[in-house]
């Protein structure tokens, strides 16, 4: 069993965070943080102190949490890489822009057929 103490700084996996960012998951950071531990919930879950703008539940399974060692570079929820032009906001849930469609220029239908056995 993994045990985290209250106030310990940890990193959070972005594995199941759907609203973390748009684009390819391959280019996203695997861990964000560090965030302080509020308390252990049972033996298998940790409640974190997260920023309010993240709009996610603060309790996570211990497999999604990793201790922060203080020397490793991490991506914070509001950081953007310096070599890349700033894109849309990192936390998109509840903040997506709305667009009005004037007209549909073209469309395509796809036929899905059964695979034939040879």
N, C-alpha and C. Protein backbone atom coordinates (compact mmCIF):
# COMPACT_ATOMS: atom_id res chain seq x y z
N UNK A 1 0.83 -1.20 0.00
CA UNK A 1 0.00 0.00 0.00
C UNK A 1 0.87 1.25 0.00
N UNK A 2 0.50 2.20 -0.83
CA UNK A 2 1.19 3.48 -0.91
C UNK A 2 0.48 4.45 0.02
N UNK A 3 1.26 5.15 0.85
CA UNK A 3 0.68 6.09 1.81
C UNK A 3 1.30 7.47 1.56
N UNK A 4 0.44 8.47 1.46
CA UNK A 4 0.89 9.85 1.31
C UNK A 4 0.50 10.61 2.57
N UNK A 5 1.39 11.46 3.03
CA UNK A 5 1.11 12.23 4.24
C UNK A 5 0.46 13.56 3.87
N UNK A 6 -0.26 14.13 4.82
CA UNK A 6 -0.94 15.41 4.62
C UNK A 6 0.08 16.50 4.35
N UNK A 7 -0.14 17.29 3.30
CA UNK A 7 0.77 18.37 2.94
C UNK A 7 1.89 17.96 2.00
N UNK A 8 2.07 16.66 1.78
CA UNK A 8 3.11 16.19 0.86
C UNK A 8 2.78 16.64 -0.56
N UNK A 9 3.79 17.05 -1.31
CA UNK A 9 3.60 17.49 -2.68
C UNK A 9 3.66 16.28 -3.62
N UNK A 10 2.67 16.19 -4.51
CA UNK A 10 2.59 15.06 -5.43
C UNK A 10 2.29 15.55 -6.84
N UNK A 11 2.54 14.67 -7.80
CA UNK A 11 2.22 14.93 -9.20
C UNK A 11 0.98 14.13 -9.56
N UNK A 12 0.16 14.67 -10.45
CA UNK A 12 -1.08 14.04 -10.88
C UNK A 12 -0.94 13.59 -12.33
N UNK A 13 -1.31 12.35 -12.60
CA UNK A 13 -1.25 11.82 -13.96
C UNK A 13 -2.35 12.45 -14.81
N UNK A 14 -2.03 12.73 -16.08
CA UNK A 14 -3.02 13.27 -17.01
C UNK A 14 -3.69 12.16 -17.81
N UNK A 15 -3.46 10.93 -17.42
CA UNK A 15 -3.96 9.76 -18.14
C UNK A 15 -5.47 9.81 -18.37
N UNK A 16 -6.24 10.14 -17.35
CA UNK A 16 -7.70 10.13 -17.45
C UNK A 16 -8.32 11.51 -17.48
N UNK A 17 -7.53 12.55 -17.60
CA UNK A 17 -8.06 13.91 -17.62
C UNK A 17 -8.43 14.28 -19.05
N UNK A 18 -9.70 14.13 -19.39
CA UNK A 18 -10.17 14.39 -20.74
C UNK A 18 -10.10 15.87 -21.10
N UNK A 19 -10.33 16.73 -20.12
CA UNK A 19 -10.41 18.16 -20.41
C UNK A 19 -9.07 18.87 -20.26
N UNK A 20 -7.99 18.11 -20.16
CA UNK A 20 -6.70 18.74 -19.92
C UNK A 20 -6.29 19.66 -21.06
N UNK A 21 -6.39 19.20 -22.29
CA UNK A 21 -6.05 20.07 -23.43
C UNK A 21 -6.53 19.42 -24.71
N UNK A 22 -6.66 20.24 -25.73
CA UNK A 22 -7.02 19.73 -27.04
C UNK A 22 -5.75 19.28 -27.75
N UNK A 23 -5.93 18.48 -28.76
CA UNK A 23 -4.79 18.07 -29.56
C UNK A 23 -4.34 16.67 -29.21
N UNK A 24 -3.17 16.34 -29.68
CA UNK A 24 -2.63 15.00 -29.51
C UNK A 24 -2.20 14.76 -28.07
N UNK A 25 -2.63 13.63 -27.51
CA UNK A 25 -2.24 13.27 -26.15
C UNK A 25 -0.73 12.97 -26.10
N UNK A 26 -0.16 12.61 -27.24
CA UNK A 26 1.26 12.29 -27.30
C UNK A 26 2.12 13.49 -26.92
N UNK A 27 1.64 14.70 -27.21
CA UNK A 27 2.42 15.90 -26.96
C UNK A 27 2.14 16.53 -25.59
N UNK A 28 1.20 15.99 -24.86
CA UNK A 28 0.85 16.54 -23.55
C UNK A 28 1.78 16.02 -22.47
N UNK A 29 1.95 16.76 -21.39
CA UNK A 29 2.75 16.24 -20.28
C UNK A 29 2.03 15.07 -19.63
N UNK A 30 2.79 14.10 -19.16
CA UNK A 30 2.18 12.93 -18.52
C UNK A 30 1.80 13.21 -17.07
N UNK A 31 2.48 14.15 -16.45
CA UNK A 31 2.22 14.49 -15.05
C UNK A 31 2.11 16.00 -14.92
N UNK A 32 1.18 16.47 -14.09
CA UNK A 32 1.07 17.89 -13.80
C UNK A 32 1.16 18.08 -12.29
N UNK A 33 1.51 19.27 -11.90
CA UNK A 33 1.62 19.54 -10.47
C UNK A 33 2.85 20.37 -10.20
N UNK A 34 3.34 20.37 -9.02
CA UNK A 34 2.92 19.57 -7.86
C UNK A 34 1.71 20.17 -7.15
N UNK A 35 0.95 19.29 -6.49
CA UNK A 35 -0.20 19.68 -5.69
C UNK A 35 -0.06 19.08 -4.29
N UNK A 36 -0.51 19.79 -3.26
CA UNK A 36 -0.43 19.24 -1.90
C UNK A 36 -1.54 18.22 -1.64
N UNK A 37 -1.21 17.23 -0.83
CA UNK A 37 -2.18 16.22 -0.41
C UNK A 37 -3.01 16.79 0.73
N UNK A 38 -4.33 16.72 0.60
CA UNK A 38 -5.20 17.16 1.69
C UNK A 38 -5.34 16.05 2.72
N UNK A 39 -5.62 14.81 2.22
CA UNK A 39 -5.71 13.66 3.13
C UNK A 39 -5.83 12.39 2.32
N UNK A 40 -5.59 11.26 2.97
CA UNK A 40 -5.82 9.95 2.37
C UNK A 40 -7.29 9.60 2.58
N UNK A 41 -7.90 9.03 1.56
CA UNK A 41 -9.28 8.56 1.65
C UNK A 41 -9.22 7.04 1.58
N UNK A 42 -9.29 6.40 2.72
CA UNK A 42 -9.12 4.95 2.77
C UNK A 42 -7.68 4.59 2.48
N UNK A 43 -7.47 3.38 1.93
CA UNK A 43 -6.11 2.93 1.63
C UNK A 43 -5.71 3.16 0.18
N UNK A 44 -6.69 3.44 -0.69
CA UNK A 44 -6.38 3.46 -2.11
C UNK A 44 -6.66 4.78 -2.81
N UNK A 45 -7.03 5.82 -2.08
CA UNK A 45 -7.35 7.09 -2.73
C UNK A 45 -6.72 8.26 -1.98
N UNK A 46 -6.47 9.34 -2.73
CA UNK A 46 -5.85 10.53 -2.17
C UNK A 46 -6.68 11.74 -2.58
N UNK A 47 -6.96 12.62 -1.62
CA UNK A 47 -7.67 13.86 -1.93
C UNK A 47 -6.62 14.96 -2.01
N UNK A 48 -6.61 15.69 -3.14
CA UNK A 48 -5.62 16.74 -3.38
C UNK A 48 -6.25 18.12 -3.25
N UNK A 49 -5.41 19.11 -3.02
CA UNK A 49 -5.84 20.51 -3.04
C UNK A 49 -5.55 21.02 -4.45
N UNK A 50 -6.61 21.15 -5.27
CA UNK A 50 -6.47 21.56 -6.66
C UNK A 50 -6.99 22.97 -6.86
N UNK A 51 -6.49 23.68 -7.88
CA UNK A 51 -7.05 25.00 -8.20
C UNK A 51 -8.52 24.88 -8.58
N UNK A 52 -9.31 25.87 -8.23
CA UNK A 52 -10.75 25.83 -8.49
C UNK A 52 -11.08 25.82 -9.97
N UNK A 53 -10.22 26.41 -10.81
CA UNK A 53 -10.53 26.47 -12.24
C UNK A 53 -10.33 25.14 -12.97
N UNK A 54 -9.82 24.13 -12.28
CA UNK A 54 -9.66 22.83 -12.92
C UNK A 54 -11.00 22.11 -13.08
N UNK A 55 -11.97 22.40 -12.22
CA UNK A 55 -13.32 21.83 -12.33
C UNK A 55 -13.33 20.31 -12.42
N UNK A 56 -12.50 19.65 -11.62
CA UNK A 56 -12.52 18.19 -11.56
C UNK A 56 -12.59 17.77 -10.11
N UNK A 57 -13.03 16.54 -9.89
CA UNK A 57 -13.13 16.01 -8.54
C UNK A 57 -11.72 15.83 -7.98
N UNK A 58 -11.47 16.22 -6.73
CA UNK A 58 -10.10 16.22 -6.20
C UNK A 58 -9.60 14.89 -5.65
N UNK A 59 -10.38 13.81 -5.73
CA UNK A 59 -9.97 12.52 -5.18
C UNK A 59 -9.53 11.59 -6.31
N UNK A 60 -8.33 10.99 -6.14
CA UNK A 60 -7.77 10.14 -7.18
C UNK A 60 -7.21 8.87 -6.57
N UNK A 61 -7.21 7.79 -7.36
CA UNK A 61 -6.60 6.53 -6.94
C UNK A 61 -5.09 6.72 -6.83
N UNK A 62 -4.46 5.99 -5.93
CA UNK A 62 -3.02 6.16 -5.70
C UNK A 62 -2.19 5.82 -6.94
N UNK A 63 -2.73 5.03 -7.87
CA UNK A 63 -1.97 4.71 -9.08
C UNK A 63 -1.83 5.92 -10.00
N UNK A 64 -2.66 6.96 -9.80
CA UNK A 64 -2.59 8.18 -10.61
C UNK A 64 -1.79 9.29 -9.94
N UNK A 65 -1.20 8.99 -8.79
CA UNK A 65 -0.45 9.97 -8.01
C UNK A 65 0.99 9.49 -7.88
N UNK A 66 1.92 10.44 -7.96
CA UNK A 66 3.34 10.12 -7.80
C UNK A 66 3.97 11.17 -6.90
N UNK A 67 4.83 10.78 -5.98
CA UNK A 67 5.47 11.78 -5.11
C UNK A 67 6.32 12.76 -5.93
N UNK A 68 6.27 14.01 -5.56
CA UNK A 68 7.08 15.05 -6.20
C UNK A 68 8.42 15.10 -5.49
N UNK A 69 9.50 14.95 -6.23
CA UNK A 69 10.82 14.89 -5.63
C UNK A 69 11.49 16.26 -5.55
N UNK A 70 10.98 17.26 -6.23
CA UNK A 70 11.52 18.61 -6.13
C UNK A 70 12.58 18.94 -7.15
N UNK A 71 13.16 17.94 -7.82
CA UNK A 71 14.21 18.21 -8.79
C UNK A 71 13.75 17.95 -10.22
N UNK A 72 12.64 17.25 -10.39
CA UNK A 72 12.20 16.91 -11.74
C UNK A 72 11.37 18.03 -12.35
N UNK A 73 11.55 18.29 -13.64
CA UNK A 73 10.73 19.33 -14.28
C UNK A 73 9.31 18.83 -14.44
N UNK A 74 8.35 19.70 -14.16
CA UNK A 74 6.94 19.32 -14.28
C UNK A 74 6.19 20.37 -15.06
N UNK A 75 5.07 19.99 -15.58
CA UNK A 75 4.19 20.93 -16.28
C UNK A 75 3.06 21.29 -15.35
N UNK A 76 2.94 22.55 -15.06
CA UNK A 76 1.83 23.01 -14.25
C UNK A 76 0.62 23.15 -15.16
N UNK A 77 -0.56 23.23 -14.59
CA UNK A 77 -1.78 23.29 -15.39
C UNK A 77 -1.83 24.54 -16.25
N UNK A 78 -1.13 25.60 -15.88
CA UNK A 78 -1.18 26.85 -16.63
C UNK A 78 0.07 27.13 -17.45
N UNK A 79 1.04 26.21 -17.45
CA UNK A 79 2.28 26.41 -18.19
C UNK A 79 2.08 26.09 -19.67
N UNK A 80 2.78 26.81 -20.52
CA UNK A 80 2.84 26.48 -21.93
C UNK A 80 4.31 26.38 -22.31
N UNK A 81 4.66 25.47 -23.21
CA UNK A 81 6.06 25.36 -23.61
C UNK A 81 6.55 26.67 -24.21
N UNK A 82 7.81 27.02 -23.95
CA UNK A 82 8.34 28.29 -24.41
C UNK A 82 8.65 28.28 -25.90
N UNK A 83 8.92 27.12 -26.49
CA UNK A 83 9.29 27.05 -27.90
C UNK A 83 8.07 27.02 -28.82
N UNK A 84 6.88 26.94 -28.25
CA UNK A 84 5.66 26.81 -29.03
C UNK A 84 4.81 28.06 -28.83
N UNK A 85 4.17 28.49 -29.90
CA UNK A 85 3.25 29.63 -29.79
C UNK A 85 2.15 29.29 -28.80
N UNK A 86 1.74 30.24 -27.97
CA UNK A 86 0.66 29.94 -27.04
C UNK A 86 -0.63 29.62 -27.79
N UNK A 87 -1.27 28.54 -27.38
CA UNK A 87 -2.50 28.10 -28.03
C UNK A 87 -3.70 28.40 -27.15
N UNK A 88 -4.72 27.57 -27.25
CA UNK A 88 -5.90 27.79 -26.41
C UNK A 88 -5.58 27.51 -24.95
N UNK A 89 -6.46 27.93 -24.07
CA UNK A 89 -6.23 27.73 -22.64
C UNK A 89 -6.06 26.25 -22.34
N UNK A 90 -5.25 25.95 -21.32
CA UNK A 90 -4.97 24.57 -20.99
C UNK A 90 -6.21 23.85 -20.49
N UNK A 91 -6.92 24.45 -19.56
CA UNK A 91 -8.12 23.82 -19.01
C UNK A 91 -9.31 24.33 -19.78
N UNK A 92 -9.85 23.49 -20.63
CA UNK A 92 -10.88 23.90 -21.56
C UNK A 92 -12.29 23.63 -21.03
N UNK A 93 -12.46 22.72 -20.10
CA UNK A 93 -13.79 22.36 -19.63
C UNK A 93 -14.53 23.59 -19.13
N UNK A 94 -15.69 23.84 -19.70
CA UNK A 94 -16.51 24.96 -19.30
C UNK A 94 -16.09 26.30 -19.87
N UNK A 95 -15.01 26.33 -20.66
CA UNK A 95 -14.50 27.59 -21.19
C UNK A 95 -14.38 27.56 -22.72
N UNK A 96 -15.04 26.62 -23.36
CA UNK A 96 -14.89 26.49 -24.80
C UNK A 96 -15.59 27.63 -25.53
N UNK A 97 -14.98 28.07 -26.61
CA UNK A 97 -15.58 29.11 -27.43
C UNK A 97 -16.72 28.50 -28.24
N UNK A 98 -17.72 29.30 -28.51
CA UNK A 98 -18.83 28.85 -29.33
C UNK A 98 -18.76 29.55 -30.68
N UNK A 99 -19.07 28.81 -31.72
CA UNK A 99 -19.05 29.34 -33.07
C UNK A 99 -20.42 29.16 -33.70
N UNK A 100 -20.84 30.13 -34.50
CA UNK A 100 -22.08 30.02 -35.26
C UNK A 100 -21.73 29.60 -36.68
N UNK A 101 -22.38 28.54 -37.16
CA UNK A 101 -22.13 28.03 -38.50
C UNK A 101 -23.02 28.79 -39.46
N UNK A 102 -22.41 29.45 -40.45
CA UNK A 102 -23.17 30.20 -41.44
C UNK A 102 -23.79 29.26 -42.47
N UNK A 103 -22.98 28.32 -42.97
CA UNK A 103 -23.50 27.35 -43.93
C UNK A 103 -22.53 26.18 -44.00
N UNK A 104 -23.02 25.05 -44.48
CA UNK A 104 -22.21 23.86 -44.67
C UNK A 104 -21.70 23.88 -46.10
N UNK A 105 -20.39 23.86 -46.27
CA UNK A 105 -19.80 23.96 -47.60
C UNK A 105 -19.86 22.64 -48.36
N UNK A 106 -19.66 21.56 -47.67
CA UNK A 106 -19.64 20.26 -48.31
C UNK A 106 -19.85 19.20 -47.25
N UNK A 107 -20.21 18.00 -47.68
CA UNK A 107 -20.34 16.91 -46.73
C UNK A 107 -19.94 15.62 -47.41
N UNK A 108 -19.70 14.61 -46.61
CA UNK A 108 -19.26 13.33 -47.13
C UNK A 108 -19.98 12.24 -46.36
N UNK A 109 -20.48 11.24 -47.06
CA UNK A 109 -21.07 10.09 -46.40
C UNK A 109 -20.10 8.93 -46.54
N UNK A 110 -20.02 8.15 -45.51
CA UNK A 110 -19.12 7.00 -45.53
C UNK A 110 -19.94 5.73 -45.45
N UNK A 111 -19.62 4.80 -46.31
CA UNK A 111 -20.30 3.51 -46.28
C UNK A 111 -19.43 2.55 -45.49
N UNK A 112 -20.03 1.96 -44.50
CA UNK A 112 -19.31 0.99 -43.68
C UNK A 112 -19.83 -0.39 -44.06
N UNK A 113 -18.99 -1.20 -44.63
CA UNK A 113 -19.41 -2.53 -45.08
C UNK A 113 -18.84 -3.62 -44.20
N UNK A 114 -19.34 -4.81 -44.41
CA UNK A 114 -18.84 -5.96 -43.66
C UNK A 114 -17.57 -6.48 -44.33
N UNK A 115 -16.68 -7.00 -43.53
CA UNK A 115 -15.45 -7.58 -44.07
C UNK A 115 -15.78 -8.94 -44.69
N UNK A 116 -15.24 -9.18 -45.85
CA UNK A 116 -15.49 -10.45 -46.52
C UNK A 116 -14.40 -11.43 -46.15
N UNK A 117 -14.81 -12.65 -45.93
CA UNK A 117 -13.82 -13.70 -45.64
C UNK A 117 -13.35 -14.32 -46.95
N UNK A 118 -12.09 -14.66 -47.00
CA UNK A 118 -11.54 -15.29 -48.21
C UNK A 118 -11.25 -16.73 -47.94
